[in-house]
Amino acid sequence: MGRVYTLVNQKGGVGKTTTAINLGAYLASFGQRVLIVDIDPQANATSCLGVDKRTVTGGTYEVLLGGAPASANLLHNPRLKLSLLPSSPALAGAEVELVSELGRESKLKNALGPVIEKFDYLLIDCPPSLGLLTVNGLIAAQDGVIIPVQCEYLALEGLGELTHTLQRVRSALFPALKVRGVVLTMFDGRTNLSADVVAEVRKYFAEQVFEAIVPRSVRLAEAPSYGLPITAYAPESSAAKAYELLAREVLVGDGISVSEVGG
């Protein structure tokens, strides 16, 4: 059965979608069957993989609220060897519509159940909020959450709120919810601030911080405009090497030999 990780941070602009796409792309390049699940109404993960969100007629909205099976709405990119359950602007109303739904917090988990064994990894990209869509992502995270944290001071302020939300979900809905790891993003080696943030996050989350640190990168910022992950757009860039290392860390942590995946 596939491993399900949810990427979450209520602060926007921290590299959450970028991490979902590029971690997924490297896992796929290592021979893993990967599904990206986009539950963000902004549909950035969908756009980053070259899909026009305005043309999506079957995606997470239809799966969560229309009763459509996830398997019938998956898109596959043969070049990248990635699958996608896309989002669309229709998902913008889901927060309100889910309120009256029976079992509203578990809609995504139940919808993904029939397709989990078809993949090795499912990566869920949440919106930058702590609403019902994100709660659905947390409940579906059977193997834990991955938290991208930008290497800037303000990024630290939201960690307490996020940790409190995780604790609430554990106590009320999903006691087994755990943090799989924290990914430090947008690191600028020229500043003391970035180094200070790294130190603070490592102190806050102790052994849960990945060794891979993603640097600020023009190439990484350009890649989405071409509908490509960094693996295909600039595989020799420093950001690409960081995400490759992150993918290897995830695989090793999951008990998958690096030698088995091309390392």
Protein backbone atom coordinates (compact mmCIF):
# COMPACT_ATOMS: atom_id res chain seq x y z
CA MET A 1 0.00 0.00 0.00
CA GLY A 2 1.25 3.48 -0.86
CA ARG A 3 2.54 5.96 1.68
CA VAL A 4 0.47 9.11 2.07
CA TYR A 5 2.15 12.35 3.10
CA THR A 6 0.43 15.71 3.37
CA LEU A 7 2.38 18.92 2.81
CA VAL A 8 1.02 21.60 5.09
CA ASN A 9 1.76 25.11 6.30
CA GLN A 10 -0.88 27.76 6.82
CA LYS A 11 1.59 30.45 5.76
CA GLY A 12 1.69 31.07 2.02
CA GLY A 13 4.83 31.39 -0.04
CA VAL A 14 6.95 28.93 1.93
CA GLY A 15 7.58 26.48 -0.90
CA LYS A 16 4.84 24.00 -0.07
CA THR A 17 3.65 23.36 -3.60
CA THR A 18 7.19 23.58 -4.94
CA THR A 19 8.22 20.89 -2.48
CA ALA A 20 5.24 18.66 -3.31
CA ILE A 21 5.96 18.84 -7.03
CA ASN A 22 9.72 18.45 -6.89
CA LEU A 23 9.83 15.82 -4.16
CA GLY A 24 7.25 13.90 -6.17
CA ALA A 25 9.22 14.31 -9.38
CA TYR A 26 12.40 12.95 -7.82
CA LEU A 27 10.59 10.05 -6.18
CA ALA A 28 9.16 9.25 -9.62
CA SER A 29 12.60 9.51 -11.22
CA PHE A 30 13.74 6.88 -8.71
CA GLY A 31 11.12 4.48 -9.99
CA GLN A 32 8.37 5.18 -7.45
CA ARG A 33 4.75 5.40 -8.55
CA VAL A 34 3.73 8.89 -7.41
CA LEU A 35 0.39 10.67 -7.22
CA ILE A 36 0.19 14.40 -6.50
CA VAL A 37 -3.17 15.31 -4.94
CA ASP A 38 -4.00 19.01 -5.30
CA ILE A 39 -6.57 20.18 -2.74
CA ASP A 40 -5.68 23.87 -3.00
CA PRO A 41 -8.35 25.98 -4.77
CA GLN A 42 -5.51 28.06 -6.25
CA ALA A 43 -4.52 24.88 -8.11
CA ASN A 44 -0.84 25.78 -8.16
CA ALA A 45 0.34 22.16 -8.14
CA THR A 46 -1.95 21.52 -11.10
CA SER A 47 -0.52 24.49 -13.01
CA CYS A 48 3.06 23.57 -12.07
CA LEU A 49 2.59 20.28 -13.91
CA GLY A 50 1.44 22.02 -17.07
CA VAL A 51 -2.32 21.53 -16.64
CA ASP A 52 -4.58 24.53 -17.25
CA LYS A 53 -6.78 24.63 -14.15
CA ARG A 54 -9.55 26.31 -16.15
CA THR A 55 -9.94 23.20 -18.28
CA VAL A 56 -10.25 20.77 -15.36
CA THR A 57 -13.73 19.24 -15.33
CA GLY A 58 -12.92 16.32 -13.06
CA GLY A 59 -10.70 16.80 -10.05
CA THR A 60 -10.64 17.12 -6.30
CA TYR A 61 -13.87 19.14 -6.18
CA GLU A 62 -15.82 16.45 -8.01
CA VAL A 63 -14.18 13.74 -5.89
CA LEU A 64 -14.84 15.45 -2.55
CA LEU A 65 -18.31 16.84 -3.21
CA GLY A 66 -19.65 15.21 -6.33
CA GLY A 67 -19.13 11.59 -5.45
CA ALA A 68 -16.84 11.02 -8.43
CA PRO A 69 -14.25 8.24 -8.02
CA ALA A 70 -10.67 9.44 -7.74
CA SER A 71 -9.52 6.77 -10.20
CA ALA A 72 -11.63 8.27 -12.98
CA ASN A 73 -10.14 11.74 -12.55
CA LEU A 74 -6.41 11.03 -12.47
CA LEU A 75 -4.12 12.57 -15.07
CA HIS A 76 -0.78 10.99 -15.96
CA ASN A 77 2.32 12.68 -17.33
CA PRO A 78 4.37 9.97 -19.09
CA ARG A 79 7.40 12.22 -19.51
CA LEU A 80 7.62 12.94 -15.78
CA LYS A 81 6.16 9.57 -14.74
CA LEU A 82 3.86 11.46 -12.38
CA SER A 83 0.13 11.18 -11.81
CA LEU A 84 -2.07 14.07 -10.68
CA LEU A 85 -5.48 14.47 -9.12
CA PRO A 86 -5.97 18.08 -10.24
CA SER A 87 -7.67 21.01 -8.62
CA SER A 88 -9.74 23.76 -10.19
CA PRO A 89 -11.35 27.08 -9.21
CA ALA A 90 -14.54 25.13 -8.41
CA LEU A 91 -12.84 23.97 -5.21
CA ALA A 92 -12.99 27.53 -3.84
CA GLY A 93 -16.49 26.92 -2.48
CA ALA A 94 -15.64 23.58 -0.91
CA GLU A 95 -14.90 25.00 2.55
CA VAL A 96 -18.53 26.15 2.82
CA GLU A 97 -20.07 23.16 1.09
CA LEU A 98 -18.21 20.64 3.23
CA VAL A 99 -19.69 22.05 6.44
CA SER A 100 -23.01 20.29 5.93
CA GLU A 101 -21.50 17.03 4.67
CA LEU A 102 -21.62 13.87 6.79
CA GLY A 103 -18.09 12.78 7.72
CA ARG A 104 -16.77 16.03 6.28
CA GLU A 105 -13.26 15.69 7.77
CA SER A 106 -12.69 12.26 6.20
CA LYS A 107 -13.95 12.90 2.67
CA LEU A 108 -10.48 12.93 1.12
CA LYS A 109 -9.24 9.91 3.05
CA ASN A 110 -12.24 7.88 1.94
CA ALA A 111 -11.92 9.06 -1.66
CA LEU A 112 -8.25 8.11 -1.88
CA GLY A 113 -8.74 4.72 -0.26
CA PRO A 114 -9.45 2.83 -3.52
CA VAL A 115 -6.34 4.20 -5.31
CA ILE A 116 -3.72 4.05 -2.55
CA GLU A 117 -2.43 0.62 -3.50
CA LYS A 118 -1.87 1.75 -7.09
CA PHE A 119 0.91 4.10 -5.95
CA ASP A 120 4.04 4.02 -3.83
CA TYR A 121 3.63 7.64 -2.73
CA LEU A 122 0.69 10.02 -2.53
CA LEU A 123 1.63 13.63 -1.79
CA ILE A 124 -1.24 15.92 -0.83
CA ASP A 125 -0.75 19.64 -1.44
CA CYS A 126 -2.93 21.68 0.95
CA PRO A 127 -4.08 25.31 0.72
CA PRO A 128 -2.24 27.91 2.85
CA SER A 129 -4.88 27.84 5.57
CA LEU A 130 -6.11 25.66 8.42
CA GLY A 131 -9.67 25.20 7.16
CA LEU A 132 -11.68 22.09 6.29
CA LEU A 133 -9.69 21.27 3.17
CA THR A 134 -6.46 21.22 5.15
CA VAL A 135 -8.13 19.16 7.90
CA ASN A 136 -9.12 16.68 5.18
CA GLY A 137 -5.50 16.59 4.10
CA LEU A 138 -4.36 15.94 7.67
CA ILE A 139 -6.86 13.13 8.23
CA ALA A 140 -5.70 11.51 4.98
CA ALA A 141 -2.02 11.72 6.01
CA GLN A 142 -1.71 8.13 7.17
CA ASP A 143 2.11 8.30 7.13
CA GLY A 144 2.54 11.86 8.41
CA VAL A 145 2.84 15.48 7.42
CA ILE A 146 5.75 17.23 5.75
CA ILE A 147 6.10 20.87 6.77
CA PRO A 148 8.03 23.24 4.48
CA VAL A 149 9.44 26.21 6.42
CA GLN A 150 10.88 29.26 4.71
CA CYS A 151 14.20 30.43 6.13
CA GLU A 152 12.87 33.81 7.23
CA TYR A 153 11.91 35.09 10.66
CA LEU A 154 8.17 35.45 9.99
CA ALA A 155 7.98 31.80 8.99
CA LEU A 156 8.76 30.84 12.58
CA GLU A 157 5.75 32.70 13.96
CA GLY A 158 3.24 30.37 12.32
CA LEU A 159 4.81 27.16 13.56
CA GLY A 160 3.17 27.43 16.97
CA GLU A 161 -0.29 27.78 15.43
CA LEU A 162 0.34 24.89 13.06
CA THR A 163 1.59 22.69 15.90
CA HIS A 164 -1.54 23.56 17.90
CA THR A 165 -3.73 22.56 14.94
CA LEU A 166 -1.92 19.23 14.62
CA GLN A 167 -2.51 18.61 18.33
CA ARG A 168 -6.22 19.41 17.98
CA VAL A 169 -6.58 17.03 15.07
CA ARG A 170 -4.76 14.32 17.03
CA SER A 171 -6.98 14.72 20.08
CA ALA A 172 -10.29 15.00 18.26
CA LEU A 173 -10.00 13.07 15.00
CA PHE A 174 -6.75 11.27 14.25
CA PRO A 175 -4.57 10.25 17.25
CA ALA A 176 -1.93 8.68 14.97
CA LEU A 177 -1.17 11.92 13.11
CA LYS A 178 2.55 12.58 13.13
CA VAL A 179 5.14 14.91 11.64
CA ARG A 180 7.18 13.03 9.06
CA GLY A 181 9.63 15.88 8.69
CA VAL A 182 10.31 19.57 8.26
CA VAL A 183 11.85 20.88 5.03
CA LEU A 184 13.80 24.13 5.18
CA THR A 185 13.28 26.17 2.01
CA MET A 186 14.48 29.41 0.39
CA PHE A 187 17.77 29.33 2.26
CA ASP A 188 20.08 32.25 1.52
CA GLY A 189 23.62 31.42 2.57
CA ARG A 190 24.65 35.08 2.35
CA THR A 191 22.57 36.05 5.38
CA ASN A 192 22.91 35.31 9.06
CA LEU A 193 19.12 35.27 9.30
CA SER A 194 18.76 32.10 7.24
CA ALA A 195 21.31 30.32 9.41
CA ASP A 196 19.55 31.55 12.55
CA VAL A 197 16.18 30.25 11.30
CA VAL A 198 17.73 26.86 10.51
CA ALA A 199 19.08 26.68 14.05
CA GLU A 200 15.75 27.68 15.59
CA VAL A 201 13.75 25.18 13.55
CA ARG A 202 16.18 22.40 14.38
CA LYS A 203 15.82 23.28 18.05
CA TYR A 204 12.01 23.41 17.81
CA PHE A 205 11.56 20.14 15.91
CA ALA A 206 14.72 18.35 17.07
CA GLU A 207 15.29 15.21 14.99
CA GLN A 208 12.38 15.83 12.63
CA VAL A 209 14.17 18.28 10.32
CA PHE A 210 15.46 16.88 7.02
CA GLU A 211 19.14 17.38 6.29
CA ALA A 212 18.37 18.63 2.78
CA ILE A 213 18.01 22.42 2.70
CA VAL A 214 16.51 23.99 -0.41
CA PRO A 215 18.29 27.22 -1.46
CA ARG A 216 16.78 30.26 -3.07
CA SER A 217 16.99 29.63 -6.79
CA VAL A 218 16.02 31.55 -9.91
CA ARG A 219 15.75 28.28 -11.80
CA LEU A 220 13.35 26.88 -9.22
CA ALA A 221 11.19 30.00 -9.50
CA GLU A 222 11.16 29.80 -13.31
CA ALA A 223 10.25 26.12 -13.62
CA PRO A 224 6.48 26.43 -12.92
CA SER A 225 6.04 28.89 -15.79
CA TYR A 226 7.14 26.06 -18.09
CA GLY A 227 4.86 23.53 -16.39
CA LEU A 228 7.87 21.50 -15.31
CA PRO A 229 9.46 20.37 -12.03
CA ILE A 230 13.11 21.17 -11.48
CA THR A 231 14.04 17.60 -12.48
CA ALA A 232 13.14 18.41 -16.08
CA TYR A 233 13.81 22.14 -16.17
CA ALA A 234 17.21 22.52 -14.50
CA PRO A 235 18.44 19.17 -13.15
CA GLU A 236 21.98 20.48 -12.54
CA SER A 237 20.86 23.43 -10.40
CA SER A 238 21.53 23.65 -6.67
CA ALA A 239 17.80 23.45 -5.94
CA ALA A 240 17.50 20.27 -8.00
CA LYS A 241 20.31 18.66 -6.04
CA ALA A 242 18.59 19.66 -2.77
CA TYR A 243 15.31 18.05 -3.81
CA GLU A 244 17.12 14.95 -5.01
CA LEU A 245 18.73 14.68 -1.58
CA LEU A 246 15.35 15.20 0.08
CA ALA A 247 13.82 12.39 -2.00
CA ARG A 248 16.66 10.09 -1.01
CA GLU A 249 16.17 10.99 2.66
CA VAL A 250 12.46 10.18 2.42
CA LEU A 251 13.15 6.86 0.74
CA VAL A 252 15.82 5.82 3.22
CA GLY A 253 13.60 6.89 6.12
CA ASP A 254 10.85 4.72 4.68
CA GLY A 255 13.15 1.72 4.58
CA ILE A 256 13.74 1.75 0.83
CA SER A 257 17.36 1.09 -0.08
CA VAL A 258 18.95 3.94 -2.01
CA SER A 259 20.77 1.39 -4.15
CA GLU A 260 17.38 0.13 -5.26
CA VAL A 261 16.43 3.55 -6.60
CA GLY A 262 19.45 4.43 -8.64
CA GLY A 263 21.80 5.62 -5.92
